[in-house]
PDB file of all heavy atoms in Angstrom:
ATOM      1  N   LEU A   1     151.503 132.058  44.506  1.00  0.00           N
ATOM      2  CA  LEU A   1     149.953 132.150  44.616  1.00  0.00           C
ATOM      3  C   LEU A   1     149.489 132.903  45.792  1.00  0.00           C
ATOM      4  O   LEU A   1     149.918 132.649  46.877  1.00  0.00           O
ATOM      5  CB  LEU A   1     149.371 130.697  44.568  1.00  0.00           C
ATOM      6  CG  LEU A   1     149.782 129.849  43.381  1.00  0.00           C
ATOM      7  CD1 LEU A   1     149.198 128.496  43.680  1.00  0.00           C
ATOM      8  CD2 LEU A   1     149.267 130.435  42.060  1.00  0.00           C
ATOM      9  N   SER A   2     148.513 133.803  45.578  1.00  0.00           N
ATOM     10  CA  SER A   2     147.905 134.465  46.791  1.00  0.00           C
ATOM     11  C   SER A   2     146.972 133.472  47.354  1.00  0.00           C
ATOM     12  O   SER A   2     146.663 132.406  46.802  1.00  0.00           O
ATOM     13  CB  SER A   2     147.192 135.714  46.155  1.00  0.00           C
ATOM     14  OG  SER A   2     145.973 135.292  45.327  1.00  0.00           O
ATOM     15  N   ALA A   3     146.412 133.948  48.538  1.00  0.00           N
ATOM     16  CA  ALA A   3     145.423 132.961  49.172  1.00  0.00           C
ATOM     17  C   ALA A   3     144.160 132.701  48.275  1.00  0.00           C
ATOM     18  O   ALA A   3     143.691 131.771  48.125  1.00  0.00           O
ATOM     19  CB  ALA A   3     145.030 133.648  50.518  1.00  0.00           C
ATOM     20  N   SER A   4     143.776 133.827  47.573  1.00  0.00           N
ATOM     21  CA  SER A   4     142.523 133.720  46.713  1.00  0.00           C
ATOM     22  C   SER A   4     142.797 132.790  45.591  1.00  0.00           C
ATOM     23  O   SER A   4     141.963 131.945  45.133  1.00  0.00           O
ATOM     24  CB  SER A   4     141.991 135.053  46.263  1.00  0.00           C
ATOM     25  OG  SER A   4     142.997 135.718  45.490  1.00  0.00           O
ATOM     26  N   GLN A   5     144.027 132.821  44.913  1.00  0.00           N
ATOM     27  CA  GLN A   5     144.350 132.186  43.839  1.00  0.00           C
ATOM     28  C   GLN A   5     144.484 130.590  44.265  1.00  0.00           C
ATOM     29  O   GLN A   5     143.991 129.727  43.612  1.00  0.00           O
ATOM     30  CB  GLN A   5     145.693 132.402  43.123  1.00  0.00           C
ATOM     31  CG  GLN A   5     145.567 133.822  42.435  1.00  0.00           C
ATOM     32  CD  GLN A   5     146.941 134.399  42.155  1.00  0.00           C
ATOM     33  OE1 GLN A   5     147.931 133.727  42.268  1.00  0.00           O
ATOM     34  NE2 GLN A   5     146.942 135.613  41.501  1.00  0.00           N
ATOM     35  N   LEU A   6     145.026 130.343  45.400  1.00  0.00           N
ATOM     36  CA  LEU A   6     145.165 129.067  46.076  1.00  0.00           C
ATOM     37  C   LEU A   6     143.827 128.332  46.323  1.00  0.00           C
ATOM     38  O   LEU A   6     143.619 127.232  46.011  1.00  0.00           O
ATOM     39  CB  LEU A   6     146.037 128.999  47.168  1.00  0.00           C
ATOM     40  CG  LEU A   6     146.538 127.632  47.723  1.00  0.00           C
ATOM     41  CD1 LEU A   6     147.263 126.864  46.639  1.00  0.00           C
ATOM     42  CD2 LEU A   6     147.301 127.922  48.915  1.00  0.00           C
ATOM     43  N   GLU A   7     142.915 129.178  46.804  1.00  0.00           N
ATOM     44  CA  GLU A   7     141.592 128.702  46.965  1.00  0.00           C
ATOM     45  C   GLU A   7     140.799 128.312  45.796  1.00  0.00           C
ATOM     46  O   GLU A   7     140.292 127.291  45.629  1.00  0.00           O
ATOM     47  CB  GLU A   7     140.723 129.803  47.825  1.00  0.00           C
ATOM     48  CG  GLU A   7     141.070 130.027  49.202  1.00  0.00           C
ATOM     49  CD  GLU A   7     140.218 131.098  49.788  1.00  0.00           C
ATOM     50  OE1 GLU A   7     139.356 131.820  49.127  1.00  0.00           O
ATOM     51  OE2 GLU A   7     140.542 131.453  51.077  1.00  0.00           O
ATOM     52  N   SER A   8     141.037 129.176  44.768  1.00  0.00           N
ATOM     53  CA  SER A   8     140.306 128.976  43.451  1.00  0.00           C
ATOM     54  C   SER A   8     140.957 127.766  42.757  1.00  0.00           C
ATOM     55  O   SER A   8     140.223 126.862  42.188  1.00  0.00           O
ATOM     56  CB  SER A   8     140.509 130.171  42.455  1.00  0.00           C
ATOM     57  OG  SER A   8     139.832 131.291  43.067  1.00  0.00           O
ATOM     58  N   LEU A   9     142.244 127.546  42.811  1.00  0.00           N
ATOM     59  CA  LEU A   9     142.989 126.403  42.323  1.00  0.00           C
ATOM     60  C   LEU A   9     142.493 125.113  43.024  1.00  0.00           C
ATOM     61  O   LEU A   9     142.315 124.173  42.336  1.00  0.00           O
ATOM     62  CB  LEU A   9     144.476 126.615  42.322  1.00  0.00           C
ATOM     63  CG  LEU A   9     145.252 125.531  41.841  1.00  0.00           C
ATOM     64  CD1 LEU A   9     145.023 125.349  40.287  1.00  0.00           C
ATOM     65  CD2 LEU A   9     146.823 125.756  42.016  1.00  0.00           C
ATOM     66  N   THR A  10     142.414 125.244  44.315  1.00  0.00           N
ATOM     67  CA  THR A  10     141.917 124.052  45.030  1.00  0.00           C
ATOM     68  C   THR A  10     140.497 123.555  44.521  1.00  0.00           C
ATOM     69  O   THR A  10     140.300 122.428  44.372  1.00  0.00           O
ATOM     70  CB  THR A  10     141.842 124.411  46.491  1.00  0.00           C
ATOM     71  OG1 THR A  10     143.165 124.803  46.999  1.00  0.00           O
ATOM     72  CG2 THR A  10     141.365 123.221  47.378  1.00  0.00           C
ATOM     73  N   VAL A  11     139.607 124.495  44.445  1.00  0.00           N
ATOM     74  CA  VAL A  11     138.254 124.102  44.052  1.00  0.00           C
ATOM     75  C   VAL A  11     138.375 123.445  42.684  1.00  0.00           C
ATOM     76  O   VAL A  11     137.749 122.428  42.279  1.00  0.00           O
ATOM     77  CB  VAL A  11     137.344 125.297  43.931  1.00  0.00           C
ATOM     78  CG1 VAL A  11     136.059 124.968  43.310  1.00  0.00           C
ATOM     79  CG2 VAL A  11     137.136 125.922  45.284  1.00  0.00           C
ATOM     80  N   ILE A  12     139.104 124.082  41.634  1.00  0.00           N
ATOM     81  CA  ILE A  12     139.157 123.581  40.406  1.00  0.00           C
ATOM     82  C   ILE A  12     139.868 122.201  40.423  1.00  0.00           C
ATOM     83  O   ILE A  12     139.450 121.202  39.658  1.00  0.00           O
ATOM     84  CB  ILE A  12     139.994 124.480  39.405  1.00  0.00           C
ATOM     85  CG1 ILE A  12     139.002 125.779  39.139  1.00  0.00           C
ATOM     86  CG2 ILE A  12     140.275 123.778  38.058  1.00  0.00           C
ATOM     87  CD1 ILE A  12     139.836 126.952  38.457  1.00  0.00           C
ATOM     88  N   ALA A  13     140.905 122.029  41.173  1.00  0.00           N
ATOM     89  CA  ALA A  13     141.616 120.734  41.167  1.00  0.00           C
ATOM     90  C   ALA A  13     140.714 119.568  41.736  1.00  0.00           C
ATOM     91  O   ALA A  13     140.717 118.473  41.233  1.00  0.00           O
ATOM     92  CB  ALA A  13     142.825 120.945  42.158  1.00  0.00           C
ATOM     93  N   TYR A  14     139.902 119.930  42.684  1.00  0.00           N
ATOM     94  CA  TYR A  14     139.026 118.879  43.427  1.00  0.00           C
ATOM     95  C   TYR A  14     137.761 118.505  42.457  1.00  0.00           C
ATOM     96  O   TYR A  14     137.236 117.482  42.687  1.00  0.00           O
ATOM     97  CB  TYR A  14     138.862 119.221  44.804  1.00  0.00           C
ATOM     98  CG  TYR A  14     139.845 118.801  45.808  1.00  0.00           C
ATOM     99  CD1 TYR A  14     140.956 119.758  46.174  1.00  0.00           C
ATOM    100  CD2 TYR A  14     140.137 117.477  46.099  1.00  0.00           C
ATOM    101  CE1 TYR A  14     141.912 119.362  46.885  1.00  0.00           C
ATOM    102  CE2 TYR A  14     141.185 117.073  46.957  1.00  0.00           C
ATOM    103  CZ  TYR A  14     142.078 118.103  47.385  1.00  0.00           C
ATOM    104  OH  TYR A  14     143.101 117.698  48.215  1.00  0.00           O
ATOM    105  N   TYR A  15     137.248 119.645  41.994  1.00  0.00           N
ATOM    106  CA  TYR A  15     135.931 119.478  41.226  1.00  0.00           C
ATOM    107  C   TYR A  15     135.963 119.556  39.781  1.00  0.00           C
ATOM    108  O   TYR A  15     134.946 119.836  39.060  1.00  0.00           O
ATOM    109  CB  TYR A  15     134.915 120.553  41.924  1.00  0.00           C
ATOM    110  CG  TYR A  15     134.662 120.351  43.303  1.00  0.00           C
ATOM    111  CD1 TYR A  15     135.343 121.189  44.237  1.00  0.00           C
ATOM    112  CD2 TYR A  15     133.793 119.362  43.844  1.00  0.00           C
ATOM    113  CE1 TYR A  15     135.065 121.085  45.582  1.00  0.00           C
ATOM    114  CE2 TYR A  15     133.566 119.256  45.178  1.00  0.00           C
ATOM    115  CZ  TYR A  15     134.276 120.120  46.030  1.00  0.00           C
ATOM    116  OH  TYR A  15     134.013 119.905  47.366  1.00  0.00           O
ATOM    117  N   GLN A  16     137.123 119.436  39.288  1.00  0.00           N
ATOM    118  CA  GLN A  16     137.250 119.752  37.747  1.00  0.00           C
ATOM    119  C   GLN A  16     136.367 118.651  36.905  1.00  0.00           C
ATOM    120  O   GLN A  16     136.299 117.596  37.397  1.00  0.00           O
ATOM    121  CB  GLN A  16     138.694 119.743  37.302  1.00  0.00           C
ATOM    122  CG  GLN A  16     139.580 118.476  37.679  1.00  0.00           C
ATOM    123  CD  GLN A  16     140.988 118.686  37.194  1.00  0.00           C
ATOM    124  OE1 GLN A  16     141.283 119.063  36.203  1.00  0.00           O
ATOM    125  NE2 GLN A  16     141.709 118.522  38.187  1.00  0.00           N
ATOM    126  N   PRO A  17     136.046 119.098  35.824  1.00  0.00           N
ATOM    127  CA  PRO A  17     136.025 120.418  35.218  1.00  0.00           C
ATOM    128  C   PRO A  17     135.004 121.269  36.089  1.00  0.00           C
ATOM    129  O   PRO A  17     133.917 120.915  36.444  1.00  0.00           O
ATOM    130  CB  PRO A  17     135.581 120.266  33.825  1.00  0.00           C
ATOM    131  CG  PRO A  17     134.761 119.069  33.715  1.00  0.00           C
ATOM    132  CD  PRO A  17     135.267 118.069  34.840  1.00  0.00           C
ATOM    133  N   ALA A  18     135.370 122.526  36.144  1.00  0.00           N
ATOM    134  CA  ALA A  18     134.625 123.449  37.018  1.00  0.00           C
ATOM    135  C   ALA A  18     134.462 124.804  36.353  1.00  0.00           C
ATOM    136  O   ALA A  18     135.449 125.171  35.631  1.00  0.00           O
ATOM    137  CB  ALA A  18     135.297 123.708  38.402  1.00  0.00           C
ATOM    138  N   THR A  19     133.354 125.551  36.424  1.00  0.00           N
ATOM    139  CA  THR A  19     133.222 126.789  35.835  1.00  0.00           C
ATOM    140  C   THR A  19     133.609 127.821  36.921  1.00  0.00           C
ATOM    141  O   THR A  19     133.783 127.488  38.186  1.00  0.00           O
ATOM    142  CB  THR A  19     131.666 127.001  35.592  1.00  0.00           C
ATOM    143  OG1 THR A  19     130.925 126.990  36.710  1.00  0.00           O
ATOM    144  CG2 THR A  19     131.160 125.927  34.560  1.00  0.00           C
ATOM    145  N   LYS A  20     133.808 129.030  36.364  1.00  0.00           N
ATOM    146  CA  LYS A  20     134.160 130.171  37.328  1.00  0.00           C
ATOM    147  C   LYS A  20     132.977 130.509  38.282  1.00  0.00           C
ATOM    148  O   LYS A  20     133.272 130.690  39.433  1.00  0.00           O
ATOM    149  CB  LYS A  20     134.498 131.361  36.500  1.00  0.00           C
ATOM    150  CG  LYS A  20     134.896 132.598  37.256  1.00  0.00           C
ATOM    151  CD  LYS A  20     135.266 133.732  36.506  1.00  0.00           C
ATOM    152  CE  LYS A  20     134.314 134.501  35.693  1.00  0.00           C
ATOM    153  NZ  LYS A  20     133.308 135.212  36.462  1.00  0.00           N
ATOM    154  N   ALA A  21     131.812 130.299  37.856  1.00  0.00           N
ATOM    155  CA  ALA A  21     130.675 130.445  38.673  1.00  0.00           C
ATOM    156  C   ALA A  21     130.639 129.412  39.802  1.00  0.00           C
ATOM    157  O   ALA A  21     130.260 129.837  40.995  1.00  0.00           O
ATOM    158  CB  ALA A  21     129.300 130.404  37.911  1.00  0.00           C
ATOM    159  N   TYR A  22     131.034 128.181  39.540  1.00  0.00           N
ATOM    160  CA  TYR A  22     131.078 127.193  40.504  1.00  0.00           C
ATOM    161  C   TYR A  22     132.089 127.589  41.616  1.00  0.00           C
ATOM    162  O   TYR A  22     132.004 127.494  42.770  1.00  0.00           O
ATOM    163  CB  TYR A  22     131.408 125.884  39.968  1.00  0.00           C
ATOM    164  CG  TYR A  22     131.342 124.685  40.887  1.00  0.00           C
ATOM    165  CD1 TYR A  22     130.088 124.275  41.519  1.00  0.00           C
ATOM    166  CD2 TYR A  22     132.528 124.060  41.372  1.00  0.00           C
ATOM    167  CE1 TYR A  22     130.050 123.201  42.444  1.00  0.00           C
ATOM    168  CE2 TYR A  22     132.451 123.036  42.215  1.00  0.00           C
ATOM    169  CZ  TYR A  22     131.171 122.616  42.741  1.00  0.00           C
ATOM    170  OH  TYR A  22     131.146 121.546  43.555  1.00  0.00           O
ATOM    171  N   VAL A  23     133.259 128.027  41.145  1.00  0.00           N
ATOM    172  CA  VAL A  23     134.341 128.476  41.967  1.00  0.00           C
ATOM    173  C   VAL A  23     133.790 129.652  42.908  1.00  0.00           C
ATOM    174  O   VAL A  23     134.108 129.588  44.168  1.00  0.00           O
ATOM    175  CB  VAL A  23     135.679 128.819  41.205  1.00  0.00           C
ATOM    176  CG1 VAL A  23     136.755 129.523  42.143  1.00  0.00           C
ATOM    177  CG2 VAL A  23     136.227 127.730  40.394  1.00  0.00           C
ATOM    178  N   GLU A  24     133.121 130.648  42.420  1.00  0.00           N
ATOM    179  CA  GLU A  24     132.632 131.684  43.116  1.00  0.00           C
ATOM    180  C   GLU A  24     131.491 131.210  44.043  1.00  0.00           C
ATOM    181  O   GLU A  24     131.505 131.731  45.259  1.00  0.00           O
ATOM    182  CB  GLU A  24     132.041 132.721  42.098  1.00  0.00           C
ATOM    183  CG  GLU A  24     133.106 133.430  41.429  1.00  0.00           C
ATOM    184  CD  GLU A  24     132.549 134.243  40.259  1.00  0.00           C
ATOM    185  OE1 GLU A  24     131.300 134.227  39.944  1.00  0.00           O
ATOM    186  OE2 GLU A  24     133.338 135.074  39.597  1.00  0.00           O
ATOM    187  N   THR A  25     130.826 130.230  43.731  1.00  0.00           N
ATOM    188  CA  THR A  25     129.742 129.634  44.621  1.00  0.00           C
ATOM    189  C   THR A  25     130.368 129.084  45.840  1.00  0.00           C
ATOM    190  O   THR A  25     129.886 129.383  46.968  1.00  0.00           O
ATOM    191  CB  THR A  25     128.841 128.583  43.926  1.00  0.00           C
ATOM    192  OG1 THR A  25     128.292 129.189  42.885  1.00  0.00           O
ATOM    193  CG2 THR A  25     127.828 128.106  44.828  1.00  0.00           C
ATOM    194  N   ILE A  26     131.412 128.258  45.698  1.00  0.00           N
ATOM    195  CA  ILE A  26     132.185 127.738  46.857  1.00  0.00           C
ATOM    196  C   ILE A  26     132.904 128.725  47.712  1.00  0.00           C
ATOM    197  O   ILE A  26     132.848 128.663  48.917  1.00  0.00           O
ATOM    198  CB  ILE A  26     133.096 126.523  46.341  1.00  0.00           C
ATOM    199  CG1 ILE A  26     132.254 125.386  45.842  1.00  0.00           C
ATOM    200  CG2 ILE A  26     133.928 126.110  47.547  1.00  0.00           C
ATOM    201  CD1 ILE A  26     132.910 124.353  45.369  1.00  0.00           C
ATOM    202  N   ARG A  27     133.532 129.670  47.043  1.00  0.00           N
ATOM    203  CA  ARG A  27     134.392 130.554  47.717  1.00  0.00           C
ATOM    204  C   ARG A  27     133.455 131.741  48.270  1.00  0.00           C
ATOM    205  O   ARG A  27     133.953 132.377  49.386  1.00  0.00           O
ATOM    206  CB  ARG A  27     135.469 131.177  46.776  1.00  0.00           C
ATOM    207  CG  ARG A  27     136.525 130.185  46.335  1.00  0.00           C
ATOM    208  CD  ARG A  27     137.634 130.931  45.753  1.00  0.00           C
ATOM    209  NE  ARG A  27     138.345 131.941  46.587  1.00  0.00           N
ATOM    210  CZ  ARG A  27     138.473 133.221  46.225  1.00  0.00           C
ATOM    211  NH1 ARG A  27     138.243 133.556  45.062  1.00  0.00           N
ATOM    212  NH2 ARG A  27     139.094 134.127  47.118  1.00  0.00           N
ATOM    213  N   GLY A  28     132.367 132.085  47.662  1.00  0.00           N
ATOM    214  CA  GLY A  28     131.433 133.101  48.053  1.00  0.00           C
ATOM    215  C   GLY A  28     131.984 134.534  47.675  1.00  0.00           C
ATOM    216  O   GLY A  28     131.356 135.414  48.196  1.00  0.00           O
ATOM    217  N   VAL A  29     132.944 134.682  46.808  1.00  0.00           N
ATOM    218  CA  VAL A  29     133.354 135.891  46.354  1.00  0.00           C
ATOM    219  C   VAL A  29     133.686 135.814  44.842  1.00  0.00           C
ATOM    220  O   VAL A  29     133.794 134.669  44.223  1.00  0.00           O
ATOM    221  CB  VAL A  29     134.554 136.428  47.042  1.00  0.00           C
ATOM    222  CG1 VAL A  29     134.383 136.629  48.440  1.00  0.00           C
ATOM    223  CG2 VAL A  29     135.800 135.412  46.890  1.00  0.00           C
ATOM    224  N   ASP A  30     133.770 136.943  44.160  1.00  0.00           N
ATOM    225  CA  ASP A  30     134.130 136.965  42.649  1.00  0.00           C
ATOM    226  C   ASP A  30     135.568 136.522  42.510  1.00  0.00           C
ATOM    227  O   ASP A  30     136.350 136.733  43.373  1.00  0.00           O
ATOM    228  CB  ASP A  30     134.036 138.487  42.269  1.00  0.00           C
ATOM    229  CG  ASP A  30     134.499 138.565  40.825  1.00  0.00           C
ATOM    230  OD1 ASP A  30     133.892 137.852  40.006  1.00  0.00           O
ATOM    231  OD2 ASP A  30     135.454 139.293  40.485  1.00  0.00           O
ATOM    232  N   SER A  31     135.645 135.585  41.650  1.00  0.00           N
ATOM    233  CA  SER A  31     137.018 134.892  41.402  1.00  0.00           C
ATOM    234  C   SER A  31     137.596 135.111  40.022  1.00  0.00           C
ATOM    235  O   SER A  31     138.512 134.305  39.660  1.00  0.00           O
ATOM    236  CB  SER A  31     136.790 133.321  41.568  1.00  0.00           C
ATOM    237  OG  SER A  31     136.311 133.140  42.928  1.00  0.00           O
ATOM    238  N   SER A  32     137.041 136.112  39.365  1.00  0.00           N
ATOM    239  CA  SER A  32     137.527 136.520  38.074  1.00  0.00           C
ATOM    240  C   SER A  32     139.015 136.641  37.940  1.00  0.00           C
ATOM    241  O   SER A  32     139.865 136.189  37.092  1.00  0.00           O
ATOM    242  CB  SER A  32     136.880 137.713  37.400  1.00  0.00           C
ATOM    243  OG  SER A  32     135.534 137.398  37.220  1.00  0.00           O
ATOM    244  N   TYR A  33     139.656 137.489  38.842  1.00  0.00           N
ATOM    245  CA  TYR A  33     140.898 137.761  38.895  1.00  0.00           C
ATOM    246  C   TYR A  33     141.853 136.473  39.131  1.00  0.00           C
ATOM    247  O   TYR A  33     142.834 136.218  38.488  1.00  0.00           O
ATOM    248  CB  TYR A  33     141.304 138.958  40.027  1.00  0.00           C
ATOM    249  CG  TYR A  33     142.874 139.009  40.064  1.00  0.00           C
ATOM    250  CD1 TYR A  33     143.521 139.831  39.052  1.00  0.00           C
ATOM    251  CD2 TYR A  33     143.524 138.495  41.166  1.00  0.00           C
ATOM    252  CE1 TYR A  33     144.896 140.075  39.156  1.00  0.00           C
ATOM    253  CE2 TYR A  33     144.979 138.733  41.165  1.00  0.00           C
ATOM    254  CZ  TYR A  33     145.542 139.404  40.164  1.00  0.00           C
ATOM    255  OH  TYR A  33     146.918 139.632  40.228  1.00  0.00           O
ATOM    256  N   SER A  34     141.400 135.753  39.999  1.00  0.00           N
ATOM    257  CA  SER A  34     142.170 134.584  40.462  1.00  0.00           C
ATOM    258  C   SER A  34     142.069 133.545  39.349  1.00  0.00           C
ATOM    259  O   SER A  34     143.221 132.871  39.003  1.00  0.00           O
ATOM    260  CB  SER A  34     141.479 133.877  41.740  1.00  0.00           C
ATOM    261  OG  SER A  34     141.585 134.667  42.798  1.00  0.00           O
ATOM    262  N   VAL A  35     141.051 133.279  38.629  1.00  0.00           N
ATOM    263  CA  VAL A  35     140.949 132.308  37.556  1.00  0.00           C
ATOM    264  C   VAL A  35     141.890 132.813  36.345  1.00  0.00           C
ATOM    265  O   VAL A  35     142.580 132.096  35.835  1.00  0.00           O
ATOM    266  CB  VAL A  35     139.511 132.126  37.063  1.00  0.00           C
ATOM    267  CG1 VAL A  35     139.462 131.419  35.734  1.00  0.00           C
ATOM    268  CG2 VAL A  35     138.716 131.449  38.071  1.00  0.00           C
ATOM    269  N   ASN A  36     141.812 134.163  36.068  1.00  0.00           N
ATOM    270  CA  ASN A  36     142.721 134.672  34.970  1.00  0.00           C
ATOM    271  C   ASN A  36     144.274 134.597  35.555  1.00  0.00           C
ATOM    272  O   ASN A  36     145.054 134.242  34.592  1.00  0.00           O
ATOM    273  CB  ASN A  36     142.420 136.127  34.759  1.00  0.00           C
ATOM    274  CG  ASN A  36     141.060 136.235  33.943  1.00  0.00           C
ATOM    275  OD1 ASN A  36     140.624 135.335  33.228  1.00  0.00           O
ATOM    276  ND2 ASN A  36     140.307 137.335  34.203  1.00  0.00           N
ATOM    277  N   ALA A  37     144.517 134.874  36.614  1.00  0.00           N
ATOM    278  CA  ALA A  37     145.915 134.644  37.060  1.00  0.00           C
ATOM    279  C   ALA A  37     146.374 133.151  36.940  1.00  0.00           C
ATOM    280  O   ALA A  37     147.498 132.931  36.492  1.00  0.00           O
ATOM    281  CB  ALA A  37     146.071 135.135  38.603  1.00  0.00           C
ATOM    282  N   LEU A  38     145.435 132.313  37.316  1.00  0.00           N
ATOM    283  CA  LEU A  38     145.878 130.839  37.213  1.00  0.00           C
ATOM    284  C   LEU A  38     145.917 130.395  35.745  1.00  0.00           C
ATOM    285  O   LEU A  38     146.968 129.584  35.473  1.00  0.00           O
ATOM    286  CB  LEU A  38     144.825 129.915  37.864  1.00  0.00           C
ATOM    287  CG  LEU A  38     144.596 130.206  39.381  1.00  0.00           C
ATOM    288  CD1 LEU A  38     143.454 129.456  40.035  1.00  0.00           C
ATOM    289  CD2 LEU A  38     145.999 129.634  40.186  1.00  0.00           C
ATOM    290  N   LEU A  39     145.178 130.965  34.912  1.00  0.00           N
ATOM    291  CA  LEU A  39     145.408 130.758  33.371  1.00  0.00           C
ATOM    292  C   LEU A  39     146.773 131.246  32.883  1.00  0.00           C
ATOM    293  O   LEU A  39     147.391 130.574  32.301  1.00  0.00           O
ATOM    294  CB  LEU A  39     144.293 131.431  32.697  1.00  0.00           C
ATOM    295  CG  LEU A  39     142.827 130.693  32.720  1.00  0.00           C
ATOM    296  CD1 LEU A  39     141.758 131.575  32.108  1.00  0.00           C
ATOM    297  CD2 LEU A  39     142.925 129.357  31.874  1.00  0.00           C
ATOM    298  N   ASN A  40     147.037 132.533  33.403  1.00  0.00           N
ATOM    299  CA  ASN A  40     148.439 133.150  32.985  1.00  0.00           C
ATOM    300  C   ASN A  40     149.574 132.381  33.467  1.00  0.00           C
ATOM    301  O   ASN A  40     150.584 132.300  32.806  1.00  0.00           O
ATOM    302  CB  ASN A  40     148.391 134.567  33.418  1.00  0.00           C
ATOM    303  CG  ASN A  40     147.534 135.451  32.628  1.00  0.00           C
ATOM    304  OD1 ASN A  40     147.085 135.216  31.579  1.00  0.00           O
ATOM    305  ND2 ASN A  40     147.006 136.595  33.223  1.00  0.00           N
ATOM    306  N   LYS A  41     149.363 131.709  34.666  1.00  0.00           N
ATOM    307  CA  LYS A  41     150.415 130.863  35.215  1.00  0.00           C
ATOM    308  C   LYS A  41     150.496 129.492  34.791  1.00  0.00           C
ATOM    309  O   LYS A  41     151.266 128.714  35.130  1.00  0.00           O
ATOM    310  CB  LYS A  41     150.340 131.000  36.812  1.00  0.00           C
ATOM    311  CG  LYS A  41     150.663 132.336  37.305  1.00  0.00           C
ATOM    312  CD  LYS A  41     150.361 132.372  38.760  1.00  0.00           C
ATOM    313  CE  LYS A  41     150.660 133.843  39.241  1.00  0.00           C
ATOM    314  NZ  LYS A  41     150.437 134.057  40.742  1.00  0.00           N
ATOM    315  N   HIS A  42     149.546 129.188  33.842  1.00  0.00           N
ATOM    316  CA  HIS A  42     149.493 127.743  33.189  1.00  0.00           C
ATOM    317  C   HIS A  42     149.214 126.714  34.202  1.00  0.00           C
ATOM    318  O   HIS A  42     149.665 125.607  33.951  1.00  0.00           O
ATOM    319  CB  HIS A  42     150.713 127.547  32.372  1.00  0.00           C
ATOM    320  CG  HIS A  42     150.839 128.580  31.431  1.00  0.00           C
ATOM    321  ND1 HIS A  42     150.130 128.746  30.129  1.00  0.00           N
ATOM    322  CD2 HIS A  42     152.024 129.493  31.233  1.00  0.00           C
ATOM    323  CE1 HIS A  42     150.724 129.929  29.485  1.00  0.00           C
ATOM    324  NE2 HIS A  42     151.597 130.197  30.114  1.00  0.00           N
ATOM    325  N   LEU A  43     148.497 127.087  35.292  1.00  0.00           N
ATOM    326  CA  LEU A  43     148.193 125.958  36.205  1.00  0.00           C
ATOM    327  C   LEU A  43     146.826 125.394  35.902  1.00  0.00           C
ATOM    328  O   LEU A  43     146.574 124.316  36.402  1.00  0.00           O
ATOM    329  CB  LEU A  43     148.267 126.598  37.702  1.00  0.00           C
ATOM    330  CG  LEU A  43     149.557 126.983  38.122  1.00  0.00           C
ATOM    331  CD1 LEU A  43     149.525 127.627  39.577  1.00  0.00           C
ATOM    332  CD2 LEU A  43     150.514 125.770  38.217  1.00  0.00           C
ATOM    333  N   ILE A  44     145.912 126.210  35.261  1.00  0.00           N
ATOM    334  CA  ILE A  44     144.669 125.663  34.744  1.00  0.00           C
ATOM    335  C   ILE A  44     144.499 125.971  33.303  1.00  0.00           C
ATOM    336  O   ILE A  44     145.257 126.876  32.777  1.00  0.00           O
ATOM    337  CB  ILE A  44     143.480 126.216  35.527  1.00  0.00           C
ATOM    338  CG1 ILE A  44     143.324 127.852  35.280  1.00  0.00           C
ATOM    339  CG2 ILE A  44     143.498 125.831  37.030  1.00  0.00           C
ATOM    340  CD1 ILE A  44     142.092 128.406  35.955  1.00  0.00           C
ATOM    341  N   GLU A  45     143.539 125.314  32.592  1.00  0.00           N
ATOM    342  CA  GLU A  45     143.388 125.589  31.157  1.00  0.00           C
ATOM    343  C   GLU A  45     141.799 125.347  30.938  1.00  0.00           C
ATOM    344  O   GLU A  45     141.126 124.754  31.675  1.00  0.00           O
ATOM    345  CB  GLU A  45     144.142 124.652  30.335  1.00  0.00           C
ATOM    346  CG  GLU A  45     143.772 123.277  30.411  1.00  0.00           C
ATOM    347  CD  GLU A  45     144.721 122.223  29.788  1.00  0.00           C
ATOM    348  OE1 GLU A  45     145.554 122.696  29.153  1.00  0.00           O
ATOM    349  OE2 GLU A  45     144.384 121.028  29.849  1.00  0.00           O
ATOM    350  N   GLU A  46     141.313 125.995  29.873  1.00  0.00           N
ATOM    351  CA  GLU A  46     140.066 125.879  29.491  1.00  0.00           C
ATOM    352  C   GLU A  46     139.848 124.334  28.838  1.00  0.00           C
ATOM    353  O   GLU A  46     140.900 123.891  28.109  1.00  0.00           O
ATOM    354  CB  GLU A  46     139.694 126.821  28.410  1.00  0.00           C
ATOM    355  CG  GLU A  46     139.609 128.217  28.871  1.00  0.00           C
ATOM    356  CD  GLU A  46     139.176 129.309  27.788  1.00  0.00           C
ATOM    357  OE1 GLU A  46     138.693 128.855  26.580  1.00  0.00           O
ATOM    358  OE2 GLU A  46     139.329 130.497  28.001  1.00  0.00           O
TER     359      GLU A  46
END
């Protein structure tokens, strides 16, 4: 996991269920790539 993926995963783990917009609000940056990467690695799901 990259630092951005780990940050996004942390937000989702602690605040689930969470939207991508919520992850971006907490991180302060676009998180589309990180969320998609976490989906591909099967660490998160819809």
